[in-house]
Amino acid sequence: LEDARQRAATLGQWVGRLMARLFGRDG
């Protein structure tokens, strides 16, 4: 959560990074 927050400038980027972290490995 915190890493995605630090790398995000907007709410959209924060959620995008979290979804990529949770499901990117699944394609």
mmCIF file of all heavy atoms, coordinates in Angstrom:
data_MODEL
# 
_entry.id   MODEL 
# 
loop_
_atom_site.group_PDB 
_atom_site.id 
_atom_site.type_symbol 
_atom_site.label_atom_id 
_atom_site.label_alt_id 
_atom_site.label_comp_id 
_atom_site.label_asym_id 
_atom_site.label_entity_id 
_atom_site.label_seq_id 
_atom_site.pdbx_PDB_ins_code 
_atom_site.Cartn_x 
_atom_site.Cartn_y 
_atom_site.Cartn_z 
_atom_site.occupancy 
_atom_site.B_iso_or_equiv 
_atom_site.pdbx_formal_charge 
_atom_site.auth_seq_id 
_atom_site.auth_comp_id 
_atom_site.auth_asym_id 
_atom_site.auth_atom_id 
_atom_site.pdbx_PDB_model_num 
ATOM 1   N N   . LEU A 1 1  ? 0.825  -1.214  0.000   1.00 0.00 ? 1  LEU A N   1 
ATOM 2   C CA  . LEU A 1 1  ? 0.000  0.000   0.000   1.00 0.00 ? 1  LEU A CA  1 
ATOM 3   C C   . LEU A 1 1  ? 0.854  1.256   0.000   1.00 0.00 ? 1  LEU A C   1 
ATOM 4   O O   . LEU A 1 1  ? 0.616  2.206   -0.748  1.00 0.00 ? 1  LEU A O   1 
ATOM 5   C CB  . LEU A 1 1  ? -0.898 0.002   1.238   1.00 0.00 ? 1  LEU A CB  1 
ATOM 6   C CG  . LEU A 1 1  ? -2.333 -0.480  1.136   1.00 0.00 ? 1  LEU A CG  1 
ATOM 7   C CD1 . LEU A 1 1  ? -3.005 -0.392  2.489   1.00 0.00 ? 1  LEU A CD1 1 
ATOM 8   C CD2 . LEU A 1 1  ? -3.107 0.322   0.101   1.00 0.00 ? 1  LEU A CD2 1 
ATOM 9   N N   . GLU A 1 2  ? 1.857  1.275   0.881   1.00 0.00 ? 2  GLU A N   1 
ATOM 10  C CA  . GLU A 1 2  ? 2.679  2.473   1.046   1.00 0.00 ? 2  GLU A CA  1 
ATOM 11  C C   . GLU A 1 2  ? 3.590  2.700   -0.155  1.00 0.00 ? 2  GLU A C   1 
ATOM 12  O O   . GLU A 1 2  ? 3.778  3.835   -0.596  1.00 0.00 ? 2  GLU A O   1 
ATOM 13  C CB  . GLU A 1 2  ? 3.498  2.347   2.336   1.00 0.00 ? 2  GLU A CB  1 
ATOM 14  C CG  . GLU A 1 2  ? 4.400  3.523   2.640   1.00 0.00 ? 2  GLU A CG  1 
ATOM 15  C CD  . GLU A 1 2  ? 3.649  4.840   2.810   1.00 0.00 ? 2  GLU A CD  1 
ATOM 16  O OE1 . GLU A 1 2  ? 2.413  4.809   2.985   1.00 0.00 ? 2  GLU A OE1 1 
ATOM 17  O OE2 . GLU A 1 2  ? 4.303  5.891   2.746   1.00 0.00 ? 2  GLU A OE2 1 
ATOM 18  N N   . ASP A 1 3  ? 4.150  1.636   -0.703  1.00 0.00 ? 3  ASP A N   1 
ATOM 19  C CA  . ASP A 1 3  ? 5.015  1.790   -1.874  1.00 0.00 ? 3  ASP A CA  1 
ATOM 20  C C   . ASP A 1 3  ? 4.236  2.353   -3.057  1.00 0.00 ? 3  ASP A C   1 
ATOM 21  O O   . ASP A 1 3  ? 4.707  3.254   -3.759  1.00 0.00 ? 3  ASP A O   1 
ATOM 22  C CB  . ASP A 1 3  ? 5.636  0.439   -2.235  1.00 0.00 ? 3  ASP A CB  1 
ATOM 23  C CG  . ASP A 1 3  ? 6.542  0.530   -3.457  1.00 0.00 ? 3  ASP A CG  1 
ATOM 24  O OD1 . ASP A 1 3  ? 7.625  1.147   -3.346  1.00 0.00 ? 3  ASP A OD1 1 
ATOM 25  O OD2 . ASP A 1 3  ? 6.162  0.007   -4.524  1.00 0.00 ? 3  ASP A OD2 1 
ATOM 26  N N   . ALA A 1 4  ? 3.026  1.823   -3.272  1.00 0.00 ? 4  ALA A N   1 
ATOM 27  C CA  . ALA A 1 4  ? 2.199  2.347   -4.362  1.00 0.00 ? 4  ALA A CA  1 
ATOM 28  C C   . ALA A 1 4  ? 1.831  3.800   -4.119  1.00 0.00 ? 4  ALA A C   1 
ATOM 29  O O   . ALA A 1 4  ? 1.805  4.615   -5.050  1.00 0.00 ? 4  ALA A O   1 
ATOM 30  C CB  . ALA A 1 4  ? 0.940  1.495   -4.516  1.00 0.00 ? 4  ALA A CB  1 
ATOM 31  N N   . ARG A 1 5  ? 1.568  4.151   -2.870  1.00 0.00 ? 5  ARG A N   1 
ATOM 32  C CA  . ARG A 1 5  ? 1.243  5.546   -2.537  1.00 0.00 ? 5  ARG A CA  1 
ATOM 33  C C   . ARG A 1 5  ? 2.413  6.467   -2.839  1.00 0.00 ? 5  ARG A C   1 
ATOM 34  O O   . ARG A 1 5  ? 2.251  7.536   -3.436  1.00 0.00 ? 5  ARG A O   1 
ATOM 35  C CB  . ARG A 1 5  ? 0.861  5.659   -1.057  1.00 0.00 ? 5  ARG A CB  1 
ATOM 36  C CG  . ARG A 1 5  ? 0.436  7.065   -0.636  1.00 0.00 ? 5  ARG A CG  1 
ATOM 37  C CD  . ARG A 1 5  ? 0.516  7.259   0.854   1.00 0.00 ? 5  ARG A CD  1 
ATOM 38  N NE  . ARG A 1 5  ? 1.869  7.221   1.357   1.00 0.00 ? 5  ARG A NE  1 
ATOM 39  C CZ  . ARG A 1 5  ? 2.721  8.252   1.311   1.00 0.00 ? 5  ARG A CZ  1 
ATOM 40  N NH1 . ARG A 1 5  ? 2.358  9.395   0.751   1.00 0.00 ? 5  ARG A NH1 1 
ATOM 41  N NH2 . ARG A 1 5  ? 3.946  8.144   1.793   1.00 0.00 ? 5  ARG A NH2 1 
ATOM 42  N N   . GLN A 1 6  ? 3.602  6.061   -2.460  1.00 0.00 ? 6  GLN A N   1 
ATOM 43  C CA  . GLN A 1 6  ? 4.774  6.901   -2.660  1.00 0.00 ? 6  GLN A CA  1 
ATOM 44  C C   . GLN A 1 6  ? 5.072  7.121   -4.138  1.00 0.00 ? 6  GLN A C   1 
ATOM 45  O O   . GLN A 1 6  ? 5.575  8.182   -4.526  1.00 0.00 ? 6  GLN A O   1 
ATOM 46  C CB  . GLN A 1 6  ? 5.983  6.283   -1.968  1.00 0.00 ? 6  GLN A CB  1 
ATOM 47  C CG  . GLN A 1 6  ? 5.927  6.298   -0.454  1.00 0.00 ? 6  GLN A CG  1 
ATOM 48  C CD  . GLN A 1 6  ? 7.120  5.611   0.180   1.00 0.00 ? 6  GLN A CD  1 
ATOM 49  O OE1 . GLN A 1 6  ? 8.081  5.242   -0.501  1.00 0.00 ? 6  GLN A OE1 1 
ATOM 50  N NE2 . GLN A 1 6  ? 7.062  5.429   1.496   1.00 0.00 ? 6  GLN A NE2 1 
ATOM 51  N N   . ARG A 1 7  ? 4.762  6.144   -4.964  1.00 0.00 ? 7  ARG A N   1 
ATOM 52  C CA  . ARG A 1 7  ? 5.067  6.229   -6.395  1.00 0.00 ? 7  ARG A CA  1 
ATOM 53  C C   . ARG A 1 7  ? 3.944  6.877   -7.211  1.00 0.00 ? 7  ARG A C   1 
ATOM 54  O O   . ARG A 1 7  ? 4.093  7.043   -8.420  1.00 0.00 ? 7  ARG A O   1 
ATOM 55  C CB  . ARG A 1 7  ? 5.345  4.829   -6.943  1.00 0.00 ? 7  ARG A CB  1 
ATOM 56  C CG  . ARG A 1 7  ? 6.601  4.178   -6.378  1.00 0.00 ? 7  ARG A CG  1 
ATOM 57  C CD  . ARG A 1 7  ? 6.669  2.708   -6.776  1.00 0.00 ? 7  ARG A CD  1 
ATOM 58  N NE  . ARG A 1 7  ? 7.855  2.067   -6.261  1.00 0.00 ? 7  ARG A NE  1 
ATOM 59  C CZ  . ARG A 1 7  ? 8.987  1.933   -6.928  1.00 0.00 ? 7  ARG A CZ  1 
ATOM 60  N NH1 . ARG A 1 7  ? 9.091  2.417   -8.158  1.00 0.00 ? 7  ARG A NH1 1 
ATOM 61  N NH2 . ARG A 1 7  ? 10.019 1.326   -6.394  1.00 0.00 ? 7  ARG A NH2 1 
ATOM 62  N N   . ALA A 1 8  ? 2.832  7.198   -6.552  1.00 0.00 ? 8  ALA A N   1 
ATOM 63  C CA  . ALA A 1 8  ? 1.664  7.732   -7.266  1.00 0.00 ? 8  ALA A CA  1 
ATOM 64  C C   . ALA A 1 8  ? 1.493  9.218   -6.990  1.00 0.00 ? 8  ALA A C   1 
ATOM 65  O O   . ALA A 1 8  ? 1.649  9.668   -5.853  1.00 0.00 ? 8  ALA A O   1 
ATOM 66  C CB  . ALA A 1 8  ? 0.407  6.977   -6.855  1.00 0.00 ? 8  ALA A CB  1 
ATOM 67  N N   . ALA A 1 9  ? 1.145  9.961   -8.015  1.00 0.00 ? 9  ALA A N   1 
ATOM 68  C CA  . ALA A 1 9  ? 0.849  11.385  -7.856  1.00 0.00 ? 9  ALA A CA  1 
ATOM 69  C C   . ALA A 1 9  ? -0.650 11.640  -7.741  1.00 0.00 ? 9  ALA A C   1 
ATOM 70  O O   . ALA A 1 9  ? -1.071 12.658  -7.197  1.00 0.00 ? 9  ALA A O   1 
ATOM 71  C CB  . ALA A 1 9  ? 1.415  12.173  -9.038  1.00 0.00 ? 9  ALA A CB  1 
ATOM 72  N N   . THR A 1 10 ? -1.463 10.710  -8.255  1.00 0.00 ? 10 THR A N   1 
ATOM 73  C CA  . THR A 1 10 ? -2.913 10.903  -8.264  1.00 0.00 ? 10 THR A CA  1 
ATOM 74  C C   . THR A 1 10 ? -3.606 9.661   -7.701  1.00 0.00 ? 10 THR A C   1 
ATOM 75  O O   . THR A 1 10 ? -3.003 8.583   -7.579  1.00 0.00 ? 10 THR A O   1 
ATOM 76  C CB  . THR A 1 10 ? -3.427 11.139  -9.694  1.00 0.00 ? 10 THR A CB  1 
ATOM 77  O OG1 . THR A 1 10 ? -3.202 9.949   -10.469 1.00 0.00 ? 10 THR A OG1 1 
ATOM 78  C CG2 . THR A 1 10 ? -2.727 12.328  -10.347 1.00 0.00 ? 10 THR A CG2 1 
ATOM 79  N N   . LEU A 1 11 ? -4.888 9.832   -7.412  1.00 0.00 ? 11 LEU A N   1 
ATOM 80  C CA  . LEU A 1 11 ? -5.678 8.697   -6.934  1.00 0.00 ? 11 LEU A CA  1 
ATOM 81  C C   . LEU A 1 11 ? -5.708 7.596   -7.980  1.00 0.00 ? 11 LEU A C   1 
ATOM 82  O O   . LEU A 1 11 ? -5.600 6.403   -7.655  1.00 0.00 ? 11 LEU A O   1 
ATOM 83  C CB  . LEU A 1 11 ? -7.100 9.160   -6.600  1.00 0.00 ? 11 LEU A CB  1 
ATOM 84  C CG  . LEU A 1 11 ? -8.084 8.087   -6.129  1.00 0.00 ? 11 LEU A CG  1 
ATOM 85  C CD1 . LEU A 1 11 ? -7.584 7.408   -4.860  1.00 0.00 ? 11 LEU A CD1 1 
ATOM 86  C CD2 . LEU A 1 11 ? -9.467 8.684   -5.907  1.00 0.00 ? 11 LEU A CD2 1 
ATOM 87  N N   . GLY A 1 12 ? -5.852 7.963   -9.246  1.00 0.00 ? 12 GLY A N   1 
ATOM 88  C CA  . GLY A 1 12 ? -5.891 6.966   -10.312 1.00 0.00 ? 12 GLY A CA  1 
ATOM 89  C C   . GLY A 1 12 ? -4.603 6.168   -10.392 1.00 0.00 ? 12 GLY A C   1 
ATOM 90  O O   . GLY A 1 12 ? -4.620 4.948   -10.584 1.00 0.00 ? 12 GLY A O   1 
ATOM 91  N N   . GLN A 1 13 ? -3.474 6.833   -10.249 1.00 0.00 ? 13 GLN A N   1 
ATOM 92  C CA  . GLN A 1 13 ? -2.189 6.136   -10.301 1.00 0.00 ? 13 GLN A CA  1 
ATOM 93  C C   . GLN A 1 13 ? -2.024 5.200   -9.103  1.00 0.00 ? 13 GLN A C   1 
ATOM 94  O O   . GLN A 1 13 ? -1.481 4.099   -9.230  1.00 0.00 ? 13 GLN A O   1 
ATOM 95  C CB  . GLN A 1 13 ? -1.046 7.145   -10.348 1.00 0.00 ? 13 GLN A CB  1 
ATOM 96  C CG  . GLN A 1 13 ? -0.947 7.914   -11.643 1.00 0.00 ? 13 GLN A CG  1 
ATOM 97  C CD  . GLN A 1 13 ? 0.114  8.999   -11.584 1.00 0.00 ? 13 GLN A CD  1 
ATOM 98  O OE1 . GLN A 1 13 ? 0.906  9.062   -10.644 1.00 0.00 ? 13 GLN A OE1 1 
ATOM 99  N NE2 . GLN A 1 13 ? 0.123  9.864   -12.589 1.00 0.00 ? 13 GLN A NE2 1 
ATOM 100 N N   . TRP A 1 14 ? -2.480 5.634   -7.931  1.00 0.00 ? 14 TRP A N   1 
ATOM 101 C CA  . TRP A 1 14 ? -2.369 4.793   -6.737  1.00 0.00 ? 14 TRP A CA  1 
ATOM 102 C C   . TRP A 1 14 ? -3.145 3.489   -6.937  1.00 0.00 ? 14 TRP A C   1 
ATOM 103 O O   . TRP A 1 14 ? -2.619 2.400   -6.708  1.00 0.00 ? 14 TRP A O   1 
ATOM 104 C CB  . TRP A 1 14 ? -2.902 5.560   -5.522  1.00 0.00 ? 14 TRP A CB  1 
ATOM 105 C CG  . TRP A 1 14 ? -2.639 4.886   -4.192  1.00 0.00 ? 14 TRP A CG  1 
ATOM 106 C CD1 . TRP A 1 14 ? -1.575 4.088   -3.881  1.00 0.00 ? 14 TRP A CD1 1 
ATOM 107 C CD2 . TRP A 1 14 ? -3.451 4.960   -3.023  1.00 0.00 ? 14 TRP A CD2 1 
ATOM 108 N NE1 . TRP A 1 14 ? -1.667 3.664   -2.570  1.00 0.00 ? 14 TRP A NE1 1 
ATOM 109 C CE2 . TRP A 1 14 ? -2.814 4.178   -2.020  1.00 0.00 ? 14 TRP A CE2 1 
ATOM 110 C CE3 . TRP A 1 14 ? -4.635 5.606   -2.713  1.00 0.00 ? 14 TRP A CE3 1 
ATOM 111 C CZ2 . TRP A 1 14 ? -3.337 4.039   -0.743  1.00 0.00 ? 14 TRP A CZ2 1 
ATOM 112 C CZ3 . TRP A 1 14 ? -5.149 5.473   -1.429  1.00 0.00 ? 14 TRP A CZ3 1 
ATOM 113 C CH2 . TRP A 1 14 ? -4.503 4.698   -0.459  1.00 0.00 ? 14 TRP A CH2 1 
ATOM 114 N N   . VAL A 1 15 ? -4.386 3.611   -7.383  1.00 0.00 ? 15 VAL A N   1 
ATOM 115 C CA  . VAL A 1 15 ? -5.206 2.419   -7.579  1.00 0.00 ? 15 VAL A CA  1 
ATOM 116 C C   . VAL A 1 15 ? -4.652 1.569   -8.723  1.00 0.00 ? 15 VAL A C   1 
ATOM 117 O O   . VAL A 1 15 ? -4.612 0.339   -8.637  1.00 0.00 ? 15 VAL A O   1 
ATOM 118 C CB  . VAL A 1 15 ? -6.667 2.812   -7.845  1.00 0.00 ? 15 VAL A CB  1 
ATOM 119 C CG1 . VAL A 1 15 ? -7.512 1.582   -8.172  1.00 0.00 ? 15 VAL A CG1 1 
ATOM 120 C CG2 . VAL A 1 15 ? -7.236 3.536   -6.631  1.00 0.00 ? 15 VAL A CG2 1 
ATOM 121 N N   . GLY A 1 16 ? -4.190 2.217   -9.782  1.00 0.00 ? 16 GLY A N   1 
ATOM 122 C CA  . GLY A 1 16 ? -3.615 1.468   -10.895 1.00 0.00 ? 16 GLY A CA  1 
ATOM 123 C C   . GLY A 1 16 ? -2.412 0.642   -10.458 1.00 0.00 ? 16 GLY A C   1 
ATOM 124 O O   . GLY A 1 16 ? -2.276 -0.531  -10.831 1.00 0.00 ? 16 GLY A O   1 
ATOM 125 N N   . ARG A 1 17 ? -1.554 1.228   -9.651  1.00 0.00 ? 17 ARG A N   1 
ATOM 126 C CA  . ARG A 1 17 ? -0.380 0.499   -9.165  1.00 0.00 ? 17 ARG A CA  1 
ATOM 127 C C   . ARG A 1 17 ? -0.777 -0.659  -8.258  1.00 0.00 ? 17 ARG A C   1 
ATOM 128 O O   . ARG A 1 17 ? -0.168 -1.734  -8.297  1.00 0.00 ? 17 ARG A O   1 
ATOM 129 C CB  . ARG A 1 17 ? 0.566  1.453   -8.436  1.00 0.00 ? 17 ARG A CB  1 
ATOM 130 C CG  . ARG A 1 17 ? 1.359  2.354   -9.375  1.00 0.00 ? 17 ARG A CG  1 
ATOM 131 C CD  . ARG A 1 17 ? 2.363  3.208   -8.637  1.00 0.00 ? 17 ARG A CD  1 
ATOM 132 N NE  . ARG A 1 17 ? 3.262  3.856   -9.581  1.00 0.00 ? 17 ARG A NE  1 
ATOM 133 C CZ  . ARG A 1 17 ? 4.339  3.287   -10.109 1.00 0.00 ? 17 ARG A CZ  1 
ATOM 134 N NH1 . ARG A 1 17 ? 4.662  2.047   -9.741  1.00 0.00 ? 17 ARG A NH1 1 
ATOM 135 N NH2 . ARG A 1 17 ? 5.106  3.914   -10.966 1.00 0.00 ? 17 ARG A NH2 1 
ATOM 136 N N   . LEU A 1 18 ? -1.790 -0.439  -7.422  1.00 0.00 ? 18 LEU A N   1 
ATOM 137 C CA  . LEU A 1 18 ? -2.224 -1.513  -6.536  1.00 0.00 ? 18 LEU A CA  1 
ATOM 138 C C   . LEU A 1 18 ? -2.838 -2.672  -7.333  1.00 0.00 ? 18 LEU A C   1 
ATOM 139 O O   . LEU A 1 18 ? -2.562 -3.850  -7.047  1.00 0.00 ? 18 LEU A O   1 
ATOM 140 C CB  . LEU A 1 18 ? -3.242 -0.986  -5.520  1.00 0.00 ? 18 LEU A CB  1 
ATOM 141 C CG  . LEU A 1 18 ? -2.679 -0.050  -4.445  1.00 0.00 ? 18 LEU A CG  1 
ATOM 142 C CD1 . LEU A 1 18 ? -3.807 0.528   -3.602  1.00 0.00 ? 18 LEU A CD1 1 
ATOM 143 C CD2 . LEU A 1 18 ? -1.666 -0.774  -3.558  1.00 0.00 ? 18 LEU A CD2 1 
ATOM 144 N N   . MET A 1 19 ? -3.657 -2.355  -8.325  1.00 0.00 ? 19 MET A N   1 
ATOM 145 C CA  . MET A 1 19 ? -4.255 -3.412  -9.134  1.00 0.00 ? 19 MET A CA  1 
ATOM 146 C C   . MET A 1 19 ? -3.184 -4.155  -9.937  1.00 0.00 ? 19 MET A C   1 
ATOM 147 O O   . MET A 1 19 ? -3.247 -5.382  -10.098 1.00 0.00 ? 19 MET A O   1 
ATOM 148 C CB  . MET A 1 19 ? -5.315 -2.825  -10.068 1.00 0.00 ? 19 MET A CB  1 
ATOM 149 C CG  . MET A 1 19 ? -6.537 -2.252  -9.351  1.00 0.00 ? 19 MET A CG  1 
ATOM 150 S SD  . MET A 1 19 ? -7.499 -3.513  -8.458  1.00 0.00 ? 19 MET A SD  1 
ATOM 151 C CE  . MET A 1 19 ? -8.258 -4.376  -9.827  1.00 0.00 ? 19 MET A CE  1 
ATOM 152 N N   . ALA A 1 20 ? -2.181 -3.417  -10.430 1.00 0.00 ? 20 ALA A N   1 
ATOM 153 C CA  . ALA A 1 20 ? -1.083 -4.066  -11.140 1.00 0.00 ? 20 ALA A CA  1 
ATOM 154 C C   . ALA A 1 20 ? -0.297 -4.977  -10.208 1.00 0.00 ? 20 ALA A C   1 
ATOM 155 O O   . ALA A 1 20 ? 0.139  -6.068  -10.593 1.00 0.00 ? 20 ALA A O   1 
ATOM 156 C CB  . ALA A 1 20 ? -0.164 -3.013  -11.758 1.00 0.00 ? 20 ALA A CB  1 
ATOM 157 N N   . ARG A 1 21 ? -0.117 -4.531  -8.959  1.00 0.00 ? 21 ARG A N   1 
ATOM 158 C CA  . ARG A 1 21 ? 0.614  -5.345  -7.986  1.00 0.00 ? 21 ARG A CA  1 
ATOM 159 C C   . ARG A 1 21 ? -0.160 -6.611  -7.635  1.00 0.00 ? 21 ARG A C   1 
ATOM 160 O O   . ARG A 1 21 ? 0.417  -7.700  -7.497  1.00 0.00 ? 21 ARG A O   1 
ATOM 161 C CB  . ARG A 1 21 ? 0.856  -4.517  -6.718  1.00 0.00 ? 21 ARG A CB  1 
ATOM 162 C CG  . ARG A 1 21 ? 1.336  -5.297  -5.505  1.00 0.00 ? 21 ARG A CG  1 
ATOM 163 C CD  . ARG A 1 21 ? 2.674  -5.978  -5.732  1.00 0.00 ? 21 ARG A CD  1 
ATOM 164 N NE  . ARG A 1 21 ? 3.077  -6.751  -4.570  1.00 0.00 ? 21 ARG A NE  1 
ATOM 165 C CZ  . ARG A 1 21 ? 2.658  -7.974  -4.275  1.00 0.00 ? 21 ARG A CZ  1 
ATOM 166 N NH1 . ARG A 1 21 ? 1.789  -8.580  -5.079  1.00 0.00 ? 21 ARG A NH1 1 
ATOM 167 N NH2 . ARG A 1 21 ? 3.077  -8.600  -3.193  1.00 0.00 ? 21 ARG A NH2 1 
ATOM 168 N N   . LEU A 1 22 ? -1.482 -6.510  -7.525  1.00 0.00 ? 22 LEU A N   1 
ATOM 169 C CA  . LEU A 1 22 ? -2.287 -7.663  -7.138  1.00 0.00 ? 22 LEU A CA  1 
ATOM 170 C C   . LEU A 1 22 ? -2.493 -8.648  -8.283  1.00 0.00 ? 22 LEU A C   1 
ATOM 171 O O   . LEU A 1 22 ? -2.535 -9.865  -8.053  1.00 0.00 ? 22 LEU A O   1 
ATOM 172 C CB  . LEU A 1 22 ? -3.649 -7.202  -6.611  1.00 0.00 ? 22 LEU A CB  1 
ATOM 173 C CG  . LEU A 1 22 ? -3.662 -6.458  -5.273  1.00 0.00 ? 22 LEU A CG  1 
ATOM 174 C CD1 . LEU A 1 22 ? -5.052 -5.949  -4.961  1.00 0.00 ? 22 LEU A CD1 1 
ATOM 175 C CD2 . LEU A 1 22 ? -3.158 -7.354  -4.147  1.00 0.00 ? 22 LEU A CD2 1 
ATOM 176 N N   . PHE A 1 23 ? -2.629 -8.142  -9.530  1.00 0.00 ? 23 PHE A N   1 
ATOM 177 C CA  . PHE A 1 23 ? -3.067 -9.014  -10.619 1.00 0.00 ? 23 PHE A CA  1 
ATOM 178 C C   . PHE A 1 23 ? -2.179 -8.981  -11.864 1.00 0.00 ? 23 PHE A C   1 
ATOM 179 O O   . PHE A 1 23 ? -2.477 -9.686  -12.825 1.00 0.00 ? 23 PHE A O   1 
ATOM 180 C CB  . PHE A 1 23 ? -4.502 -8.655  -11.025 1.00 0.00 ? 23 PHE A CB  1 
ATOM 181 C CG  . PHE A 1 23 ? -5.494 -8.803  -9.910  1.00 0.00 ? 23 PHE A CG  1 
ATOM 182 C CD1 . PHE A 1 23 ? -6.064 -7.685  -9.301  1.00 0.00 ? 23 PHE A CD1 1 
ATOM 183 C CD2 . PHE A 1 23 ? -5.859 -10.050 -9.450  1.00 0.00 ? 23 PHE A CD2 1 
ATOM 184 C CE1 . PHE A 1 23 ? -6.974 -7.818  -8.268  1.00 0.00 ? 23 PHE A CE1 1 
ATOM 185 C CE2 . PHE A 1 23 ? -6.777 -10.192 -8.409  1.00 0.00 ? 23 PHE A CE2 1 
ATOM 186 C CZ  . PHE A 1 23 ? -7.330 -9.078  -7.821  1.00 0.00 ? 23 PHE A CZ  1 
ATOM 187 N N   . GLY A 1 24 ? -1.113 -8.174  -11.847 1.00 0.00 ? 24 GLY A N   1 
ATOM 188 C CA  . GLY A 1 24 ? -0.239 -8.127  -13.023 1.00 0.00 ? 24 GLY A CA  1 
ATOM 189 C C   . GLY A 1 24 ? 0.392  -9.464  -13.335 1.00 0.00 ? 24 GLY A C   1 
ATOM 190 O O   . GLY A 1 24 ? 0.544  -9.844  -14.509 1.00 0.00 ? 24 GLY A O   1 
ATOM 191 N N   . ARG A 1 25 ? 0.749  -10.228 -12.310 1.00 0.00 ? 25 ARG A N   1 
ATOM 192 C CA  . ARG A 1 25 ? 1.370  -11.538 -12.526 1.00 0.00 ? 25 ARG A CA  1 
ATOM 193 C C   . ARG A 1 25 ? 0.403  -12.514 -13.189 1.00 0.00 ? 25 ARG A C   1 
ATOM 194 O O   . ARG A 1 25 ? 0.832  -13.529 -13.759 1.00 0.00 ? 25 ARG A O   1 
ATOM 195 C CB  . ARG A 1 25 ? 1.860  -12.095 -11.189 1.00 0.00 ? 25 ARG A CB  1 
ATOM 196 C CG  . ARG A 1 25 ? 0.770  -12.688 -10.318 1.00 0.00 ? 25 ARG A CG  1 
ATOM 197 C CD  . ARG A 1 25 ? 1.205  -13.032 -8.918  1.00 0.00 ? 25 ARG A CD  1 
ATOM 198 N NE  . ARG A 1 25 ? 1.090  -11.884 -8.030  1.00 0.00 ? 25 ARG A NE  1 
ATOM 199 C CZ  . ARG A 1 25 ? 1.163  -11.964 -6.713  1.00 0.00 ? 25 ARG A CZ  1 
ATOM 200 N NH1 . ARG A 1 25 ? 1.400  -13.119 -6.127  1.00 0.00 ? 25 ARG A NH1 1 
ATOM 201 N NH2 . ARG A 1 25 ? 1.031  -10.887 -5.974  1.00 0.00 ? 25 ARG A NH2 1 
ATOM 202 N N   . ASP A 1 26 ? -0.899 -12.235 -13.101 1.00 0.00 ? 26 ASP A N   1 
ATOM 203 C CA  . ASP A 1 26 ? -1.910 -13.092 -13.716 1.00 0.00 ? 26 ASP A CA  1 
ATOM 204 C C   . ASP A 1 26 ? -2.256 -12.653 -15.130 1.00 0.00 ? 26 ASP A C   1 
ATOM 205 O O   . ASP A 1 26 ? -3.099 -13.279 -15.776 1.00 0.00 ? 26 ASP A O   1 
ATOM 206 C CB  . ASP A 1 26 ? -3.175 -13.085 -12.854 1.00 0.00 ? 26 ASP A CB  1 
ATOM 207 C CG  . ASP A 1 26 ? -2.887 -13.472 -11.417 1.00 0.00 ? 26 ASP A CG  1 
ATOM 208 O OD1 . ASP A 1 26 ? -2.528 -14.636 -11.183 1.00 0.00 ? 26 ASP A OD1 1 
ATOM 209 O OD2 . ASP A 1 26 ? -3.000 -12.603 -10.531 1.00 0.00 ? 26 ASP A OD2 1 
ATOM 210 N N   . GLY A 1 27 ? -1.620 -11.576 -15.592 1.00 0.00 ? 27 GLY A N   1 
ATOM 211 C CA  . GLY A 1 27 ? -1.860 -11.124 -16.950 1.00 0.00 ? 27 GLY A CA  1 
ATOM 212 C C   . GLY A 1 27 ? -2.979 -10.121 -17.109 1.00 0.00 ? 27 GLY A C   1 
ATOM 213 O O   . GLY A 1 27 ? -3.418 -9.851  -18.232 1.00 0.00 ? 27 GLY A O   1 
# 
